[in-house]
Amino acid sequence: MILSNADIRRVLRDKLFIVDPFPSEDQIDTSSLDLRMGETLWEWNRRGPRPGGRDNPIDVDGLDIRQFTEQNLVEVPREAEGNYILEPGKLYLAPTHEKVKMPMESRLAARIEGRSSLARLGLTVHMTAPMIHCGTGLGIITLELCNHGPFYLRITPGATRICQLILEELSSLPDERAARTYGAQKNPKG
């Protein structure tokens, strides 16, 4: 069952769903919560020798993604005003401004989805694996942003509503919490 805005307010109040900083009322829609762009934008290093070329493909079955991102992600420079420009045809990794926590006892899970207004400009937000599992510790959500459109897009950390979180109630309490690769993240590098 997807939670309505009344349910979202209730689980926030009862600390069954924790968001830091606490969301403003205008971030809560009828069945979702808007999240904002976080502070640092990352892209894959395109300079010098790097894995992933035709002669050096990435073996995804043996990949240690945390080590790979640590070695190959570079910070995107900001404009003088503190904004970022998303170029057409490029993939970026970005954190949410808000940190979220899904306590196990809440029986809540969530999905991240893009916003239709940004999709109409060609921006894909969170391309795959949208699930935030029940039991996830307090941390940012890493978003995969890809500008498929013909426009350069300006986004502002702490202000641009980049995605929406849809809360769902589990039918029962999970038996156990398996170790997750990305629990309680601090930034897209891990």
N, C-alpha and C. Protein backbone atom coordinates (compact mmCIF):
# COMPACT_ATOMS: atom_id res chain seq x y z
N MET A 1 0.84 -1.17 0.00
CA MET A 1 0.00 0.00 0.00
C MET A 1 0.89 1.24 0.00
N ILE A 2 0.61 2.17 -0.89
CA ILE A 2 1.32 3.45 -0.96
C ILE A 2 0.72 4.40 0.07
N LEU A 3 1.57 5.10 0.81
CA LEU A 3 1.09 6.02 1.83
C LEU A 3 0.63 7.34 1.22
N SER A 4 -0.47 7.85 1.75
CA SER A 4 -1.01 9.15 1.34
C SER A 4 -0.28 10.25 2.09
N ASN A 5 -0.58 11.50 1.75
CA ASN A 5 0.05 12.63 2.44
C ASN A 5 -0.28 12.62 3.94
N ALA A 6 -1.50 12.22 4.31
CA ALA A 6 -1.85 12.12 5.74
C ALA A 6 -0.99 11.06 6.42
N ASP A 7 -0.78 9.94 5.75
CA ASP A 7 0.06 8.87 6.31
C ASP A 7 1.52 9.31 6.40
N ILE A 8 2.00 10.03 5.40
CA ILE A 8 3.38 10.52 5.42
C ILE A 8 3.59 11.44 6.61
N ARG A 9 2.65 12.34 6.84
CA ARG A 9 2.74 13.23 8.01
C ARG A 9 2.77 12.42 9.31
N ARG A 10 1.93 11.38 9.40
CA ARG A 10 1.84 10.55 10.60
C ARG A 10 3.15 9.81 10.87
N VAL A 11 3.72 9.16 9.84
CA VAL A 11 4.95 8.39 10.07
C VAL A 11 6.14 9.31 10.37
N LEU A 12 6.13 10.52 9.82
CA LEU A 12 7.15 11.49 10.18
C LEU A 12 7.00 11.91 11.64
N ARG A 13 5.78 12.22 12.04
CA ARG A 13 5.51 12.64 13.42
C ARG A 13 5.88 11.54 14.42
N ASP A 14 5.54 10.28 14.07
CA ASP A 14 5.79 9.15 14.98
C ASP A 14 7.20 8.58 14.85
N LYS A 15 8.04 9.22 14.03
CA LYS A 15 9.44 8.81 13.82
C LYS A 15 9.57 7.38 13.29
N LEU A 16 8.57 6.96 12.51
CA LEU A 16 8.64 5.68 11.82
C LEU A 16 9.35 5.86 10.48
N PHE A 17 9.50 7.08 10.08
CA PHE A 17 10.23 7.47 8.88
C PHE A 17 10.95 8.76 9.26
N ILE A 18 12.27 8.77 9.15
CA ILE A 18 13.06 9.90 9.62
C ILE A 18 13.69 10.60 8.43
N VAL A 19 13.51 11.91 8.37
CA VAL A 19 14.09 12.74 7.31
C VAL A 19 14.82 13.90 7.98
N ASP A 20 16.07 14.10 7.57
CA ASP A 20 16.89 15.17 8.13
C ASP A 20 17.53 15.95 6.98
N PRO A 21 17.23 17.24 6.83
CA PRO A 21 16.37 18.04 7.67
C PRO A 21 14.89 17.69 7.46
N PHE A 22 14.11 17.96 8.49
CA PHE A 22 12.67 17.66 8.46
C PHE A 22 12.04 18.41 7.29
N PRO A 23 11.22 17.73 6.50
CA PRO A 23 10.65 18.37 5.30
C PRO A 23 9.62 19.44 5.62
N SER A 24 9.57 20.43 4.76
CA SER A 24 8.53 21.45 4.87
C SER A 24 7.22 20.88 4.34
N GLU A 25 6.14 21.49 4.73
CA GLU A 25 4.81 21.01 4.32
C GLU A 25 4.66 21.00 2.81
N ASP A 26 5.26 21.96 2.11
CA ASP A 26 5.10 22.00 0.66
C ASP A 26 5.91 20.94 -0.08
N GLN A 27 6.75 20.18 0.64
CA GLN A 27 7.44 19.04 0.03
C GLN A 27 6.56 17.79 0.00
N ILE A 28 5.48 17.80 0.77
CA ILE A 28 4.59 16.64 0.84
C ILE A 28 3.48 16.79 -0.17
N ASP A 29 3.42 15.85 -1.12
CA ASP A 29 2.37 15.84 -2.14
C ASP A 29 1.31 14.82 -1.72
N THR A 30 0.35 14.54 -2.56
CA THR A 30 -0.75 13.63 -2.19
C THR A 30 -0.27 12.22 -1.87
N SER A 31 0.81 11.77 -2.52
CA SER A 31 1.30 10.41 -2.27
C SER A 31 2.81 10.30 -2.41
N SER A 32 3.52 11.39 -2.14
CA SER A 32 4.98 11.37 -2.22
C SER A 32 5.57 12.53 -1.45
N LEU A 33 6.89 12.44 -1.28
CA LEU A 33 7.64 13.49 -0.61
C LEU A 33 8.74 13.94 -1.56
N ASP A 34 8.78 15.24 -1.88
CA ASP A 34 9.83 15.77 -2.74
C ASP A 34 11.14 15.85 -1.97
N LEU A 35 12.23 15.41 -2.63
CA LEU A 35 13.57 15.54 -2.07
C LEU A 35 14.37 16.47 -2.96
N ARG A 36 15.32 17.15 -2.35
CA ARG A 36 16.11 18.16 -3.06
C ARG A 36 17.50 17.66 -3.40
N MET A 37 18.10 18.33 -4.36
CA MET A 37 19.46 18.05 -4.78
C MET A 37 20.42 18.35 -3.64
N GLY A 38 21.39 17.45 -3.42
CA GLY A 38 22.39 17.63 -2.38
C GLY A 38 23.56 18.50 -2.82
N GLU A 39 24.60 18.50 -2.02
CA GLU A 39 25.70 19.45 -2.16
C GLU A 39 26.75 19.16 -3.23
N THR A 40 27.05 17.93 -3.54
CA THR A 40 28.16 17.68 -4.47
C THR A 40 27.68 16.83 -5.63
N LEU A 41 28.05 17.22 -6.81
CA LEU A 41 27.72 16.48 -8.04
C LEU A 41 28.99 15.79 -8.51
N TRP A 42 28.85 14.54 -8.96
CA TRP A 42 30.00 13.74 -9.39
C TRP A 42 29.79 13.25 -10.81
N GLU A 43 30.90 13.01 -11.50
CA GLU A 43 30.86 12.39 -12.82
C GLU A 43 32.04 11.44 -12.93
N TRP A 44 31.97 10.55 -13.92
CA TRP A 44 33.06 9.61 -14.13
C TRP A 44 34.23 10.33 -14.78
N ASN A 45 35.42 10.04 -14.29
CA ASN A 45 36.65 10.64 -14.80
C ASN A 45 36.80 10.26 -16.28
N ARG A 46 36.95 11.26 -17.12
CA ARG A 46 37.09 11.01 -18.56
C ARG A 46 38.50 11.32 -19.05
N ARG A 47 39.42 11.64 -18.14
CA ARG A 47 40.76 11.99 -18.53
C ARG A 47 41.74 10.86 -18.20
N GLY A 48 42.72 10.68 -19.04
CA GLY A 48 43.76 9.70 -18.79
C GLY A 48 43.27 8.27 -18.96
N PRO A 49 44.12 7.30 -18.66
CA PRO A 49 43.72 5.90 -18.80
C PRO A 49 42.63 5.58 -17.80
N ARG A 50 41.64 4.88 -18.27
CA ARG A 50 40.52 4.51 -17.40
C ARG A 50 39.91 3.20 -17.86
N PRO A 51 39.31 2.49 -16.94
CA PRO A 51 38.62 1.26 -17.32
C PRO A 51 37.34 1.58 -18.08
N GLY A 52 36.84 0.61 -18.78
CA GLY A 52 35.56 0.77 -19.45
C GLY A 52 35.65 1.06 -20.92
N GLY A 53 36.86 1.19 -21.44
CA GLY A 53 37.02 1.39 -22.88
C GLY A 53 36.84 0.07 -23.62
N ARG A 54 36.84 0.11 -24.91
CA ARG A 54 36.65 -1.10 -25.73
C ARG A 54 37.70 -2.16 -25.42
N ASP A 55 38.94 -1.74 -25.21
CA ASP A 55 40.02 -2.68 -24.95
C ASP A 55 40.19 -3.02 -23.47
N ASN A 56 39.43 -2.37 -22.61
CA ASN A 56 39.53 -2.61 -21.17
C ASN A 56 38.14 -2.55 -20.53
N PRO A 57 37.22 -3.45 -20.95
CA PRO A 57 35.86 -3.38 -20.41
C PRO A 57 35.82 -3.71 -18.92
N ILE A 58 34.80 -3.20 -18.26
CA ILE A 58 34.61 -3.45 -16.83
C ILE A 58 33.93 -4.80 -16.67
N ASP A 59 34.52 -5.67 -15.86
CA ASP A 59 33.92 -6.97 -15.54
C ASP A 59 32.92 -6.74 -14.41
N VAL A 60 31.65 -6.59 -14.73
CA VAL A 60 30.66 -6.26 -13.72
C VAL A 60 30.44 -7.38 -12.71
N ASP A 61 30.77 -8.62 -13.08
CA ASP A 61 30.60 -9.72 -12.13
C ASP A 61 31.65 -9.71 -11.03
N GLY A 62 32.82 -9.17 -11.29
CA GLY A 62 33.88 -9.13 -10.29
C GLY A 62 34.15 -7.74 -9.75
N LEU A 63 33.24 -6.81 -10.00
CA LEU A 63 33.47 -5.41 -9.66
C LEU A 63 33.21 -5.12 -8.18
N ASP A 64 34.14 -4.45 -7.54
CA ASP A 64 33.94 -3.90 -6.21
C ASP A 64 33.53 -2.44 -6.44
N ILE A 65 32.22 -2.19 -6.45
CA ILE A 65 31.70 -0.88 -6.85
C ILE A 65 32.17 0.25 -5.94
N ARG A 66 32.31 -0.03 -4.66
CA ARG A 66 32.79 1.02 -3.75
C ARG A 66 34.22 1.44 -4.11
N GLN A 67 35.08 0.49 -4.35
CA GLN A 67 36.46 0.79 -4.71
C GLN A 67 36.51 1.48 -6.08
N PHE A 68 35.70 1.00 -7.01
CA PHE A 68 35.67 1.58 -8.35
C PHE A 68 35.24 3.04 -8.32
N THR A 69 34.17 3.35 -7.58
CA THR A 69 33.72 4.74 -7.52
C THR A 69 34.74 5.62 -6.82
N GLU A 70 35.36 5.10 -5.78
CA GLU A 70 36.39 5.87 -5.07
C GLU A 70 37.53 6.27 -6.01
N GLN A 71 37.88 5.38 -6.91
CA GLN A 71 39.01 5.62 -7.82
C GLN A 71 38.64 6.40 -9.07
N ASN A 72 37.37 6.40 -9.46
CA ASN A 72 37.01 6.93 -10.78
C ASN A 72 36.01 8.06 -10.79
N LEU A 73 35.39 8.39 -9.67
CA LEU A 73 34.47 9.54 -9.65
C LEU A 73 35.25 10.81 -9.36
N VAL A 74 34.89 11.88 -10.06
CA VAL A 74 35.48 13.20 -9.81
C VAL A 74 34.37 14.21 -9.57
N GLU A 75 34.66 15.17 -8.74
CA GLU A 75 33.70 16.20 -8.40
C GLU A 75 33.52 17.17 -9.57
N VAL A 76 32.26 17.53 -9.85
CA VAL A 76 31.96 18.49 -10.91
C VAL A 76 32.08 19.89 -10.33
N PRO A 77 32.79 20.80 -11.00
CA PRO A 77 32.91 22.17 -10.48
C PRO A 77 31.57 22.91 -10.56
N ARG A 78 31.37 23.77 -9.58
CA ARG A 78 30.15 24.59 -9.54
C ARG A 78 30.35 25.89 -10.31
N GLU A 79 29.23 26.48 -10.67
CA GLU A 79 29.26 27.84 -11.22
C GLU A 79 29.57 28.81 -10.08
N ALA A 80 29.88 30.04 -10.40
CA ALA A 80 30.20 31.06 -9.38
C ALA A 80 29.06 31.23 -8.38
N GLU A 81 27.82 31.05 -8.82
CA GLU A 81 26.65 31.22 -7.94
C GLU A 81 26.40 29.99 -7.08
N GLY A 82 27.19 28.91 -7.25
CA GLY A 82 27.00 27.70 -6.46
C GLY A 82 26.12 26.65 -7.12
N ASN A 83 25.66 26.92 -8.33
CA ASN A 83 24.82 25.97 -9.06
C ASN A 83 25.67 24.98 -9.84
N TYR A 84 25.00 23.97 -10.39
CA TYR A 84 25.64 23.03 -11.30
C TYR A 84 24.91 23.10 -12.64
N ILE A 85 25.63 22.83 -13.72
CA ILE A 85 25.04 22.73 -15.04
C ILE A 85 25.12 21.27 -15.48
N LEU A 86 23.96 20.69 -15.82
CA LEU A 86 23.92 19.32 -16.35
C LEU A 86 23.96 19.41 -17.87
N GLU A 87 25.02 18.86 -18.45
CA GLU A 87 25.20 18.91 -19.90
C GLU A 87 24.41 17.79 -20.57
N PRO A 88 23.91 18.04 -21.79
CA PRO A 88 23.22 16.99 -22.54
C PRO A 88 24.15 15.79 -22.76
N GLY A 89 23.59 14.59 -22.63
CA GLY A 89 24.32 13.37 -22.92
C GLY A 89 25.27 12.90 -21.84
N LYS A 90 25.23 13.50 -20.66
CA LYS A 90 26.16 13.11 -19.60
C LYS A 90 25.45 12.46 -18.42
N LEU A 91 26.16 11.54 -17.78
CA LEU A 91 25.70 10.85 -16.58
C LEU A 91 26.39 11.45 -15.37
N TYR A 92 25.61 11.70 -14.32
CA TYR A 92 26.12 12.25 -13.08
C TYR A 92 25.60 11.42 -11.91
N LEU A 93 26.31 11.46 -10.80
CA LEU A 93 25.83 10.90 -9.54
C LEU A 93 25.68 12.07 -8.58
N ALA A 94 24.56 12.10 -7.87
CA ALA A 94 24.28 13.21 -6.97
C ALA A 94 23.61 12.70 -5.71
N PRO A 95 23.91 13.30 -4.58
CA PRO A 95 23.23 12.94 -3.35
C PRO A 95 21.94 13.75 -3.20
N THR A 96 21.02 13.21 -2.43
CA THR A 96 19.88 14.01 -2.02
C THR A 96 20.35 14.96 -0.90
N HIS A 97 19.68 16.07 -0.77
CA HIS A 97 19.96 17.01 0.33
C HIS A 97 19.53 16.36 1.65
N GLU A 98 18.37 15.72 1.61
CA GLU A 98 17.82 15.08 2.79
C GLU A 98 18.44 13.71 3.01
N LYS A 99 18.68 13.38 4.26
CA LYS A 99 19.04 12.03 4.67
C LYS A 99 17.75 11.36 5.13
N VAL A 100 17.63 10.07 4.84
CA VAL A 100 16.42 9.35 5.25
C VAL A 100 16.81 8.09 6.02
N LYS A 101 15.89 7.66 6.87
CA LYS A 101 16.06 6.43 7.64
C LYS A 101 14.73 5.70 7.64
N MET A 102 14.80 4.39 7.41
CA MET A 102 13.61 3.54 7.39
C MET A 102 13.77 2.51 8.52
N PRO A 103 13.40 2.85 9.76
CA PRO A 103 13.57 1.90 10.86
C PRO A 103 12.86 0.58 10.57
N MET A 104 13.48 -0.52 10.96
CA MET A 104 12.92 -1.84 10.70
C MET A 104 11.50 -1.96 11.24
N GLU A 105 11.26 -1.46 12.46
CA GLU A 105 9.95 -1.61 13.09
C GLU A 105 8.85 -0.82 12.37
N SER A 106 9.22 0.07 11.48
CA SER A 106 8.22 0.87 10.75
C SER A 106 7.46 0.05 9.71
N ARG A 107 8.10 -1.03 9.26
CA ARG A 107 7.53 -1.85 8.16
C ARG A 107 7.34 -1.00 6.90
N LEU A 108 8.21 -0.01 6.71
CA LEU A 108 8.13 0.85 5.54
C LEU A 108 9.32 0.62 4.62
N ALA A 109 9.06 0.73 3.35
CA ALA A 109 10.08 0.77 2.32
C ALA A 109 9.71 1.96 1.43
N ALA A 110 10.58 2.33 0.52
CA ALA A 110 10.28 3.48 -0.33
C ALA A 110 10.88 3.27 -1.71
N ARG A 111 10.37 4.04 -2.65
CA ARG A 111 10.92 4.09 -4.01
C ARG A 111 11.24 5.53 -4.35
N ILE A 112 12.30 5.70 -5.09
CA ILE A 112 12.67 7.02 -5.62
C ILE A 112 12.21 7.07 -7.07
N GLU A 113 11.57 8.14 -7.43
CA GLU A 113 11.13 8.35 -8.81
C GLU A 113 11.51 9.76 -9.23
N GLY A 114 11.70 9.94 -10.52
CA GLY A 114 11.95 11.27 -11.06
C GLY A 114 10.68 12.10 -11.01
N ARG A 115 10.82 13.36 -11.36
CA ARG A 115 9.66 14.26 -11.41
C ARG A 115 9.31 14.52 -12.86
N SER A 116 8.04 14.51 -13.18
CA SER A 116 7.60 14.62 -14.58
C SER A 116 8.04 15.93 -15.22
N SER A 117 8.08 17.02 -14.45
CA SER A 117 8.49 18.31 -15.03
C SER A 117 9.94 18.26 -15.51
N LEU A 118 10.80 17.54 -14.79
CA LEU A 118 12.20 17.39 -15.20
C LEU A 118 12.33 16.37 -16.33
N ALA A 119 11.52 15.33 -16.29
CA ALA A 119 11.55 14.30 -17.34
C ALA A 119 11.18 14.91 -18.69
N ARG A 120 10.28 15.86 -18.70
CA ARG A 120 9.86 16.49 -19.95
C ARG A 120 10.97 17.33 -20.57
N LEU A 121 11.97 17.67 -19.76
CA LEU A 121 13.15 18.36 -20.29
C LEU A 121 14.23 17.38 -20.72
N GLY A 122 14.01 16.08 -20.43
CA GLY A 122 14.96 15.04 -20.81
C GLY A 122 15.80 14.51 -19.67
N LEU A 123 15.54 14.95 -18.43
CA LEU A 123 16.34 14.52 -17.30
C LEU A 123 15.79 13.24 -16.68
N THR A 124 16.61 12.20 -16.71
CA THR A 124 16.30 10.96 -16.01
C THR A 124 16.92 11.07 -14.63
N VAL A 125 16.11 10.81 -13.62
CA VAL A 125 16.58 10.86 -12.24
C VAL A 125 16.38 9.48 -11.63
N HIS A 126 17.43 8.92 -11.14
CA HIS A 126 17.43 7.59 -10.54
C HIS A 126 16.97 6.56 -11.56
N MET A 127 17.88 6.19 -12.43
CA MET A 127 17.59 5.35 -13.59
C MET A 127 17.15 3.94 -13.25
N THR A 128 17.64 3.38 -12.16
CA THR A 128 17.33 2.00 -11.84
C THR A 128 17.51 1.77 -10.35
N ALA A 129 17.10 0.62 -9.87
CA ALA A 129 17.23 0.26 -8.45
C ALA A 129 16.65 1.35 -7.54
N PRO A 130 15.38 1.67 -7.68
CA PRO A 130 14.80 2.76 -6.91
C PRO A 130 14.46 2.41 -5.46
N MET A 131 14.65 1.17 -5.04
CA MET A 131 14.17 0.71 -3.73
C MET A 131 15.04 1.20 -2.58
N ILE A 132 14.39 1.76 -1.56
CA ILE A 132 15.01 2.07 -0.28
C ILE A 132 14.42 1.04 0.68
N HIS A 133 15.25 0.14 1.16
CA HIS A 133 14.77 -1.01 1.93
C HIS A 133 14.40 -0.66 3.36
N CYS A 134 13.45 -1.40 3.88
CA CYS A 134 13.10 -1.32 5.29
C CYS A 134 14.36 -1.66 6.09
N GLY A 135 14.66 -0.87 7.11
CA GLY A 135 15.84 -1.09 7.92
C GLY A 135 17.05 -0.28 7.49
N THR A 136 16.91 0.53 6.44
CA THR A 136 18.03 1.36 5.98
C THR A 136 18.36 2.43 7.02
N GLY A 137 19.65 2.58 7.32
CA GLY A 137 20.10 3.57 8.29
C GLY A 137 20.10 4.97 7.72
N LEU A 138 20.25 5.95 8.58
CA LEU A 138 20.20 7.35 8.17
C LEU A 138 21.33 7.68 7.20
N GLY A 139 20.96 8.10 6.00
CA GLY A 139 21.95 8.48 5.00
C GLY A 139 21.29 9.13 3.80
N ILE A 140 22.12 9.66 2.94
CA ILE A 140 21.64 10.27 1.70
C ILE A 140 21.21 9.16 0.74
N ILE A 141 20.53 9.54 -0.30
CA ILE A 141 20.20 8.63 -1.39
C ILE A 141 21.00 9.11 -2.59
N THR A 142 21.73 8.19 -3.20
CA THR A 142 22.49 8.55 -4.40
C THR A 142 21.58 8.43 -5.61
N LEU A 143 21.55 9.48 -6.41
CA LEU A 143 20.73 9.53 -7.62
C LEU A 143 21.62 9.43 -8.84
N GLU A 144 21.18 8.69 -9.82
CA GLU A 144 21.85 8.66 -11.12
C GLU A 144 21.09 9.63 -12.01
N LEU A 145 21.74 10.69 -12.44
CA LEU A 145 21.12 11.71 -13.27
C LEU A 145 21.71 11.61 -14.67
N CYS A 146 20.84 11.56 -15.67
CA CYS A 146 21.32 11.57 -17.05
C CYS A 146 20.47 12.56 -17.84
N ASN A 147 21.14 13.51 -18.45
CA ASN A 147 20.46 14.52 -19.24
C ASN A 147 20.36 14.02 -20.68
N HIS A 148 19.20 13.46 -21.01
CA HIS A 148 18.95 12.94 -22.36
C HIS A 148 18.43 14.02 -23.31
N GLY A 149 18.08 15.18 -22.76
CA GLY A 149 17.48 16.23 -23.57
C GLY A 149 18.52 17.09 -24.28
N PRO A 150 18.04 18.03 -25.08
CA PRO A 150 18.95 18.91 -25.84
C PRO A 150 19.38 20.15 -25.06
N PHE A 151 18.89 20.31 -23.83
CA PHE A 151 19.11 21.55 -23.06
C PHE A 151 20.19 21.38 -22.00
N TYR A 152 20.91 22.44 -21.69
CA TYR A 152 21.76 22.51 -20.51
C TYR A 152 20.83 22.88 -19.35
N LEU A 153 20.92 22.16 -18.25
CA LEU A 153 20.01 22.36 -17.13
C LEU A 153 20.78 22.83 -15.91
N ARG A 154 20.30 23.89 -15.26
CA ARG A 154 20.93 24.41 -14.04
C ARG A 154 20.17 23.85 -12.84
N ILE A 155 20.91 23.27 -11.89
CA ILE A 155 20.31 22.78 -10.65
C ILE A 155 21.02 23.43 -9.47
N THR A 156 20.28 23.61 -8.39
CA THR A 156 20.80 24.31 -7.22
C THR A 156 20.77 23.40 -5.99
N PRO A 157 21.93 23.10 -5.41
CA PRO A 157 21.96 22.28 -4.21
C PRO A 157 21.11 22.90 -3.10
N GLY A 158 20.36 22.05 -2.40
CA GLY A 158 19.52 22.51 -1.31
C GLY A 158 18.21 23.14 -1.73
N ALA A 159 18.01 23.35 -3.03
CA ALA A 159 16.80 24.02 -3.50
C ALA A 159 16.05 23.22 -4.57
N THR A 160 16.75 22.73 -5.60
CA THR A 160 16.08 22.03 -6.70
C THR A 160 15.44 20.75 -6.22
N ARG A 161 14.13 20.65 -6.42
CA ARG A 161 13.41 19.42 -6.09
C ARG A 161 13.67 18.44 -7.21
N ILE A 162 14.56 17.51 -6.95
CA ILE A 162 15.12 16.65 -7.99
C ILE A 162 14.37 15.34 -8.15
N CYS A 163 13.71 14.87 -7.08
CA CYS A 163 13.02 13.57 -7.15
C CYS A 163 11.91 13.52 -6.12
N GLN A 164 11.17 12.42 -6.16
CA GLN A 164 10.11 12.21 -5.17
C GLN A 164 10.26 10.82 -4.56
N LEU A 165 9.97 10.74 -3.27
CA LEU A 165 10.05 9.49 -2.52
C LEU A 165 8.63 9.00 -2.29
N ILE A 166 8.37 7.76 -2.65
CA ILE A 166 7.05 7.15 -2.49
C ILE A 166 7.18 6.08 -1.41
N LEU A 167 6.44 6.25 -0.33
CA LEU A 167 6.50 5.30 0.80
C LEU A 167 5.48 4.19 0.63
N GLU A 168 5.92 2.97 0.95
CA GLU A 168 5.05 1.81 0.87
C GLU A 168 5.15 1.01 2.16
N GLU A 169 4.03 0.44 2.58
CA GLU A 169 4.01 -0.37 3.79
C GLU A 169 4.18 -1.84 3.44
N LEU A 170 5.09 -2.51 4.15
CA LEU A 170 5.30 -3.94 3.96
C LEU A 170 4.15 -4.71 4.62
N SER A 171 3.82 -5.88 4.08
CA SER A 171 2.74 -6.68 4.64
C SER A 171 3.10 -7.29 5.99
N SER A 172 4.39 -7.43 6.28
CA SER A 172 4.83 -7.95 7.57
C SER A 172 6.25 -7.44 7.84
N LEU A 173 6.69 -7.62 9.06
CA LEU A 173 8.05 -7.24 9.44
C LEU A 173 9.03 -8.19 8.77
N PRO A 174 10.09 -7.69 8.14
CA PRO A 174 11.07 -8.58 7.51
C PRO A 174 11.72 -9.50 8.55
N ASP A 175 12.10 -10.71 8.14
CA ASP A 175 12.74 -11.67 9.04
C ASP A 175 14.11 -11.19 9.49
N GLU A 176 14.87 -10.65 8.56
CA GLU A 176 16.22 -10.20 8.89
C GLU A 176 16.64 -9.13 7.90
N ARG A 177 17.69 -8.45 8.26
CA ARG A 177 18.22 -7.39 7.40
C ARG A 177 19.54 -7.87 6.83
N ALA A 178 19.55 -8.16 5.55
CA ALA A 178 20.79 -8.55 4.88
C ALA A 178 21.70 -7.35 4.74
N ALA A 179 22.98 -7.59 4.70
CA ALA A 179 23.95 -6.50 4.49
C ALA A 179 23.72 -5.91 3.10
N ARG A 180 23.62 -4.62 3.03
CA ARG A 180 23.41 -3.91 1.77
C ARG A 180 24.68 -3.18 1.38
N THR A 181 24.90 -3.07 0.10
CA THR A 181 26.08 -2.36 -0.38
C THR A 181 26.02 -0.89 -0.01
N TYR A 182 24.83 -0.29 -0.03
CA TYR A 182 24.72 1.16 0.14
C TYR A 182 23.82 1.55 1.30
N GLY A 183 23.99 1.02 2.46
CA GLY A 183 23.21 1.45 3.62
C GLY A 183 23.83 2.67 4.27
N ALA A 184 23.02 3.63 4.67
CA ALA A 184 23.48 4.83 5.39
C ALA A 184 24.63 5.53 4.69
N GLN A 185 24.44 5.89 3.43
CA GLN A 185 25.48 6.53 2.64
C GLN A 185 25.74 7.97 3.09
N LYS A 186 26.97 8.40 2.93
CA LYS A 186 27.36 9.79 3.22
C LYS A 186 27.47 10.59 1.93
N ASN A 187 27.88 9.91 0.84
CA ASN A 187 27.99 10.55 -0.47
C ASN A 187 27.97 9.46 -1.54
N PRO A 188 27.88 9.80 -2.82
CA PRO A 188 27.82 8.79 -3.86
C PRO A 188 29.02 7.85 -3.95
N LYS A 189 30.12 8.21 -3.33
CA LYS A 189 31.28 7.31 -3.33
C LYS A 189 31.15 6.21 -2.29
N GLY A 190 30.14 6.27 -1.44
CA GLY A 190 29.96 5.23 -0.43
C GLY A 190 29.64 5.82 0.86
